């Protein structure tokens, strides 16, 4: 499994389309542990660019603070599961919480 987390200043960015980088985290499916983390600069923010780019990286899941409905639909069309409403934290902490079933998610903070 590969999980993408939009980050700004080392923590989850509250709107994925305005992040500085994406943490791409490889998960050992058998042990549910983090195998590898890579920080990548996203392409220019244009409609549909991020879902396509992350799909090309074989990402299965994106965890974000907020995301518009159209972006959510595009991720789903690219077979990428979306979790929104996560609080800002370091990517490794967010992934560990998700894998253990402890990730607390609130409202999608994006209104478009």
N, C-alpha and C. Protein backbone atom coordinates (compact mmCIF):
# COMPACT_ATOMS: atom_id res chain seq x y z
N UNK A 1 0.84 -1.17 0.00
CA UNK A 1 0.00 0.00 0.00
C UNK A 1 0.89 1.24 0.00
N UNK A 2 0.43 2.28 -0.71
CA UNK A 2 1.10 3.57 -0.69
C UNK A 2 0.10 4.63 -0.26
N UNK A 3 0.53 5.44 0.69
CA UNK A 3 -0.31 6.51 1.23
C UNK A 3 0.35 7.85 0.90
N UNK A 4 -0.46 8.79 0.42
CA UNK A 4 0.03 10.15 0.14
C UNK A 4 -0.55 11.11 1.17
N UNK A 5 0.31 11.97 1.68
CA UNK A 5 -0.12 12.99 2.64
C UNK A 5 0.44 14.34 2.18
N UNK A 6 -0.44 15.31 1.93
CA UNK A 6 0.03 16.64 1.55
C UNK A 6 0.62 17.34 2.77
N UNK A 7 1.81 17.89 2.62
CA UNK A 7 2.44 18.53 3.79
C UNK A 7 2.95 19.94 3.47
N UNK A 8 2.94 20.75 4.50
CA UNK A 8 3.50 22.09 4.48
C UNK A 8 4.24 22.26 5.79
N UNK A 9 5.48 22.69 5.72
CA UNK A 9 6.31 22.89 6.91
C UNK A 9 6.39 21.60 7.75
N UNK A 10 6.44 20.45 7.09
CA UNK A 10 6.64 19.18 7.77
C UNK A 10 5.40 18.53 8.37
N UNK A 11 4.25 19.20 8.26
CA UNK A 11 3.01 18.66 8.82
C UNK A 11 1.92 18.66 7.76
N UNK A 12 0.85 17.91 8.05
CA UNK A 12 -0.27 17.82 7.12
C UNK A 12 -0.77 19.20 6.75
N UNK A 13 -0.88 19.44 5.45
CA UNK A 13 -1.43 20.69 4.94
C UNK A 13 -2.95 20.58 4.98
N UNK A 14 -3.62 21.59 5.45
CA UNK A 14 -5.07 21.50 5.59
C UNK A 14 -5.81 21.51 4.26
N UNK A 15 -5.19 21.94 3.18
CA UNK A 15 -5.80 21.82 1.85
C UNK A 15 -4.77 21.22 0.92
N UNK A 16 -5.08 20.04 0.43
CA UNK A 16 -4.08 19.28 -0.33
C UNK A 16 -3.58 20.02 -1.56
N UNK A 17 -4.39 20.84 -2.18
CA UNK A 17 -3.99 21.53 -3.40
C UNK A 17 -3.01 22.66 -3.20
N UNK A 18 -2.76 23.03 -1.96
CA UNK A 18 -1.86 24.15 -1.68
C UNK A 18 -0.65 23.72 -0.86
N UNK A 19 -0.33 22.44 -0.89
CA UNK A 19 0.79 21.95 -0.08
C UNK A 19 2.13 22.22 -0.77
N UNK A 20 3.19 22.15 0.03
CA UNK A 20 4.55 22.30 -0.50
C UNK A 20 5.07 20.99 -1.09
N UNK A 21 4.73 19.89 -0.43
CA UNK A 21 5.22 18.57 -0.83
C UNK A 21 4.15 17.52 -0.52
N UNK A 22 4.38 16.34 -1.07
CA UNK A 22 3.60 15.17 -0.66
C UNK A 22 4.56 14.17 -0.05
N UNK A 23 4.19 13.64 1.11
CA UNK A 23 4.90 12.52 1.68
C UNK A 23 4.25 11.28 1.08
N UNK A 24 5.05 10.49 0.37
CA UNK A 24 4.58 9.24 -0.21
C UNK A 24 5.15 8.13 0.68
N UNK A 25 4.27 7.43 1.35
CA UNK A 25 4.70 6.47 2.37
C UNK A 25 4.32 5.06 1.95
N UNK A 26 5.33 4.21 1.82
CA UNK A 26 5.12 2.80 1.49
C UNK A 26 4.88 2.02 2.76
N UNK A 27 3.86 1.16 2.72
CA UNK A 27 3.48 0.36 3.87
C UNK A 27 3.76 -1.11 3.61
N UNK A 28 4.33 -1.77 4.59
CA UNK A 28 4.48 -3.23 4.54
C UNK A 28 3.11 -3.80 4.90
N UNK A 29 2.39 -4.32 3.90
CA UNK A 29 1.02 -4.78 4.11
C UNK A 29 0.92 -5.90 5.14
N UNK A 30 1.92 -6.74 5.22
CA UNK A 30 1.89 -7.87 6.14
C UNK A 30 2.00 -7.41 7.60
N UNK A 31 2.97 -6.53 7.87
CA UNK A 31 3.23 -6.09 9.24
C UNK A 31 2.56 -4.77 9.61
N UNK A 32 1.98 -4.09 8.59
CA UNK A 32 1.35 -2.77 8.81
C UNK A 32 2.35 -1.77 9.39
N UNK A 33 3.57 -1.78 8.84
CA UNK A 33 4.62 -0.85 9.25
C UNK A 33 5.02 0.03 8.08
N UNK A 34 5.58 1.18 8.39
CA UNK A 34 6.11 2.06 7.36
C UNK A 34 7.43 1.48 6.86
N UNK A 35 7.52 1.25 5.55
CA UNK A 35 8.75 0.74 4.94
C UNK A 35 9.64 1.87 4.45
N UNK A 36 9.01 2.90 3.88
CA UNK A 36 9.78 3.96 3.24
C UNK A 36 8.93 5.23 3.17
N UNK A 37 9.61 6.39 3.24
CA UNK A 37 8.94 7.68 3.06
C UNK A 37 9.75 8.50 2.08
N UNK A 38 9.04 9.06 1.11
CA UNK A 38 9.67 9.90 0.11
C UNK A 38 8.92 11.22 0.06
N UNK A 39 9.65 12.33 0.01
CA UNK A 39 9.03 13.65 -0.12
C UNK A 39 9.17 14.12 -1.56
N UNK A 40 8.04 14.43 -2.18
CA UNK A 40 8.03 14.83 -3.59
C UNK A 40 7.29 16.15 -3.76
N UNK A 41 7.80 16.98 -4.67
CA UNK A 41 7.10 18.22 -5.02
C UNK A 41 6.00 17.88 -6.00
N UNK A 42 4.79 18.38 -5.76
CA UNK A 42 3.69 18.08 -6.67
C UNK A 42 3.80 18.89 -7.96
N UNK A 43 3.10 18.44 -8.99
CA UNK A 43 3.05 19.23 -10.22
C UNK A 43 2.24 20.51 -9.96
N UNK A 44 2.24 21.41 -10.92
CA UNK A 44 1.47 22.65 -10.81
C UNK A 44 0.01 22.30 -10.54
N UNK A 45 -0.60 23.05 -9.61
CA UNK A 45 -1.99 22.78 -9.22
C UNK A 45 -2.95 23.19 -10.33
N UNK A 46 -3.43 22.20 -11.05
CA UNK A 46 -4.44 22.38 -12.09
C UNK A 46 -5.49 21.31 -11.87
N UNK A 47 -6.73 21.56 -12.26
CA UNK A 47 -7.77 20.55 -12.07
C UNK A 47 -7.38 19.20 -12.68
N UNK A 48 -7.42 18.17 -11.86
CA UNK A 48 -7.14 16.81 -12.31
C UNK A 48 -5.69 16.40 -12.31
N UNK A 49 -4.76 17.34 -12.10
CA UNK A 49 -3.33 17.01 -12.18
C UNK A 49 -2.87 16.13 -11.02
N UNK A 50 -3.28 16.46 -9.81
CA UNK A 50 -2.81 15.70 -8.65
C UNK A 50 -3.34 14.26 -8.62
N UNK A 51 -4.63 14.02 -8.89
CA UNK A 51 -5.09 12.62 -8.92
C UNK A 51 -4.35 11.78 -9.95
N UNK A 52 -4.12 12.34 -11.12
CA UNK A 52 -3.40 11.60 -12.17
C UNK A 52 -1.96 11.32 -11.74
N UNK A 53 -1.28 12.33 -11.21
CA UNK A 53 0.11 12.20 -10.78
C UNK A 53 0.24 11.15 -9.68
N UNK A 54 -0.65 11.21 -8.67
CA UNK A 54 -0.57 10.25 -7.57
C UNK A 54 -0.93 8.84 -8.04
N UNK A 55 -1.86 8.73 -8.98
CA UNK A 55 -2.18 7.41 -9.55
C UNK A 55 -0.97 6.82 -10.27
N UNK A 56 -0.22 7.66 -10.98
CA UNK A 56 0.99 7.20 -11.67
C UNK A 56 2.06 6.74 -10.68
N UNK A 57 2.01 7.26 -9.45
CA UNK A 57 2.95 6.85 -8.40
C UNK A 57 2.44 5.61 -7.65
N UNK A 58 1.31 5.07 -8.09
CA UNK A 58 0.69 3.88 -7.48
C UNK A 58 0.20 4.11 -6.05
N UNK A 59 -0.25 5.33 -5.78
CA UNK A 59 -0.81 5.66 -4.46
C UNK A 59 -2.20 5.02 -4.37
N UNK A 60 -2.50 4.42 -3.21
CA UNK A 60 -3.80 3.78 -2.96
C UNK A 60 -4.72 4.63 -2.09
N UNK A 61 -4.12 5.54 -1.30
CA UNK A 61 -4.88 6.29 -0.30
C UNK A 61 -4.26 7.66 -0.12
N UNK A 62 -5.12 8.67 -0.02
CA UNK A 62 -4.66 10.01 0.34
C UNK A 62 -5.37 10.41 1.63
N UNK A 63 -4.60 10.94 2.57
CA UNK A 63 -5.16 11.45 3.82
C UNK A 63 -4.94 12.96 3.80
N UNK A 64 -6.04 13.72 3.92
CA UNK A 64 -5.96 15.17 3.81
C UNK A 64 -6.79 15.83 4.90
N UNK A 65 -6.55 17.12 5.09
CA UNK A 65 -7.37 17.90 5.99
C UNK A 65 -8.66 18.29 5.30
N UNK A 66 -8.54 18.80 4.09
CA UNK A 66 -9.71 19.22 3.33
C UNK A 66 -9.51 19.00 1.85
N UNK A 67 -10.65 18.81 1.16
CA UNK A 67 -10.60 18.55 -0.28
C UNK A 67 -11.98 18.85 -0.86
N UNK A 68 -11.99 19.52 -2.01
CA UNK A 68 -13.25 19.80 -2.70
C UNK A 68 -13.87 18.52 -3.26
N UNK A 69 -15.16 18.57 -3.50
CA UNK A 69 -15.88 17.39 -3.98
C UNK A 69 -15.38 16.91 -5.35
N UNK A 70 -15.06 17.81 -6.24
CA UNK A 70 -14.59 17.41 -7.57
C UNK A 70 -13.26 16.67 -7.46
N UNK A 71 -12.36 17.17 -6.63
CA UNK A 71 -11.08 16.48 -6.43
C UNK A 71 -11.32 15.10 -5.83
N UNK A 72 -12.22 15.02 -4.86
CA UNK A 72 -12.55 13.74 -4.24
C UNK A 72 -13.03 12.75 -5.31
N UNK A 73 -13.90 13.20 -6.20
CA UNK A 73 -14.40 12.35 -7.28
C UNK A 73 -13.27 11.91 -8.21
N UNK A 74 -12.36 12.81 -8.53
CA UNK A 74 -11.24 12.46 -9.42
C UNK A 74 -10.32 11.43 -8.78
N UNK A 75 -10.09 11.55 -7.49
CA UNK A 75 -9.27 10.54 -6.82
C UNK A 75 -9.96 9.19 -6.86
N UNK A 76 -11.26 9.18 -6.60
CA UNK A 76 -12.03 7.93 -6.63
C UNK A 76 -11.98 7.30 -8.02
N UNK A 77 -12.10 8.12 -9.05
CA UNK A 77 -12.02 7.63 -10.43
C UNK A 77 -10.66 7.03 -10.74
N UNK A 78 -9.63 7.48 -10.03
CA UNK A 78 -8.27 6.96 -10.21
C UNK A 78 -7.95 5.85 -9.22
N UNK A 79 -8.99 5.28 -8.60
CA UNK A 79 -8.85 4.18 -7.64
C UNK A 79 -8.00 4.54 -6.42
N UNK A 80 -8.12 5.78 -5.98
CA UNK A 80 -7.42 6.24 -4.79
C UNK A 80 -8.46 6.56 -3.72
N UNK A 81 -8.39 5.86 -2.60
CA UNK A 81 -9.31 6.09 -1.49
C UNK A 81 -8.94 7.42 -0.83
N UNK A 82 -9.94 8.15 -0.36
CA UNK A 82 -9.73 9.47 0.24
C UNK A 82 -10.24 9.47 1.68
N UNK A 83 -9.39 9.97 2.58
CA UNK A 83 -9.78 10.22 3.98
C UNK A 83 -9.54 11.70 4.22
N UNK A 84 -10.59 12.42 4.63
CA UNK A 84 -10.45 13.86 4.89
C UNK A 84 -10.80 14.17 6.34
N UNK A 85 -10.41 15.35 6.76
CA UNK A 85 -10.71 15.81 8.11
C UNK A 85 -9.62 15.48 9.12
N UNK A 86 -8.45 15.04 8.64
CA UNK A 86 -7.34 14.73 9.54
C UNK A 86 -6.74 16.03 10.09
N UNK A 87 -6.26 15.97 11.31
CA UNK A 87 -5.62 17.13 11.94
C UNK A 87 -4.17 17.23 11.50
N UNK A 88 -3.63 18.45 11.59
CA UNK A 88 -2.23 18.61 11.18
C UNK A 88 -1.30 17.94 12.19
N UNK A 89 -0.46 17.09 11.63
CA UNK A 89 0.51 16.32 12.41
C UNK A 89 1.58 15.87 11.42
N UNK A 90 2.61 15.25 11.93
CA UNK A 90 3.66 14.73 11.05
C UNK A 90 3.13 13.51 10.29
N UNK A 91 3.54 13.34 9.03
CA UNK A 91 3.01 12.25 8.20
C UNK A 91 3.13 10.86 8.83
N UNK A 92 4.27 10.57 9.46
CA UNK A 92 4.45 9.25 10.07
C UNK A 92 3.43 9.00 11.18
N UNK A 93 3.14 10.03 11.96
CA UNK A 93 2.15 9.89 13.04
C UNK A 93 0.76 9.64 12.46
N UNK A 94 0.41 10.37 11.42
CA UNK A 94 -0.90 10.21 10.78
C UNK A 94 -1.05 8.79 10.24
N UNK A 95 -0.02 8.31 9.55
CA UNK A 95 -0.08 6.96 8.96
C UNK A 95 -0.15 5.90 10.06
N UNK A 96 0.64 6.05 11.10
CA UNK A 96 0.61 5.09 12.21
C UNK A 96 -0.77 5.05 12.85
N UNK A 97 -1.37 6.22 13.03
CA UNK A 97 -2.71 6.28 13.61
C UNK A 97 -3.73 5.63 12.67
N UNK A 98 -3.60 5.87 11.38
CA UNK A 98 -4.51 5.27 10.41
C UNK A 98 -4.40 3.74 10.43
N UNK A 99 -3.16 3.25 10.40
CA UNK A 99 -2.94 1.80 10.36
C UNK A 99 -3.43 1.10 11.62
N UNK A 100 -3.40 1.80 12.75
CA UNK A 100 -3.85 1.19 14.01
C UNK A 100 -5.34 1.44 14.28
N UNK A 101 -6.01 2.14 13.36
CA UNK A 101 -7.42 2.44 13.54
C UNK A 101 -7.69 3.55 14.53
N UNK A 102 -6.66 4.34 14.84
CA UNK A 102 -6.78 5.41 15.84
C UNK A 102 -6.88 6.81 15.25
N UNK A 103 -6.87 6.94 13.91
CA UNK A 103 -6.88 8.26 13.29
C UNK A 103 -8.22 8.94 13.53
N UNK A 104 -8.17 10.10 14.16
CA UNK A 104 -9.37 10.89 14.42
C UNK A 104 -9.56 11.87 13.26
N UNK A 105 -10.71 11.79 12.61
CA UNK A 105 -11.01 12.69 11.51
C UNK A 105 -12.24 13.50 11.82
N UNK A 106 -12.15 14.80 11.54
CA UNK A 106 -13.28 15.69 11.75
C UNK A 106 -13.94 16.00 10.43
N UNK A 107 -14.42 17.22 10.33
CA UNK A 107 -15.10 17.67 9.12
C UNK A 107 -14.10 17.97 8.01
N UNK A 108 -14.54 17.80 6.78
CA UNK A 108 -13.78 18.23 5.62
C UNK A 108 -13.74 19.75 5.68
N UNK A 109 -12.56 20.33 5.83
CA UNK A 109 -12.46 21.77 6.00
C UNK A 109 -12.57 22.54 4.69
N UNK A 110 -12.67 21.85 3.58
CA UNK A 110 -12.77 22.51 2.27
C UNK A 110 -14.25 22.71 1.93
N UNK A 111 -14.58 23.90 1.42
CA UNK A 111 -15.97 24.19 1.11
C UNK A 111 -16.25 24.31 -0.39
N UNK A 112 -15.34 23.76 -1.22
CA UNK A 112 -15.63 23.80 -2.67
C UNK A 112 -15.38 22.45 -3.31
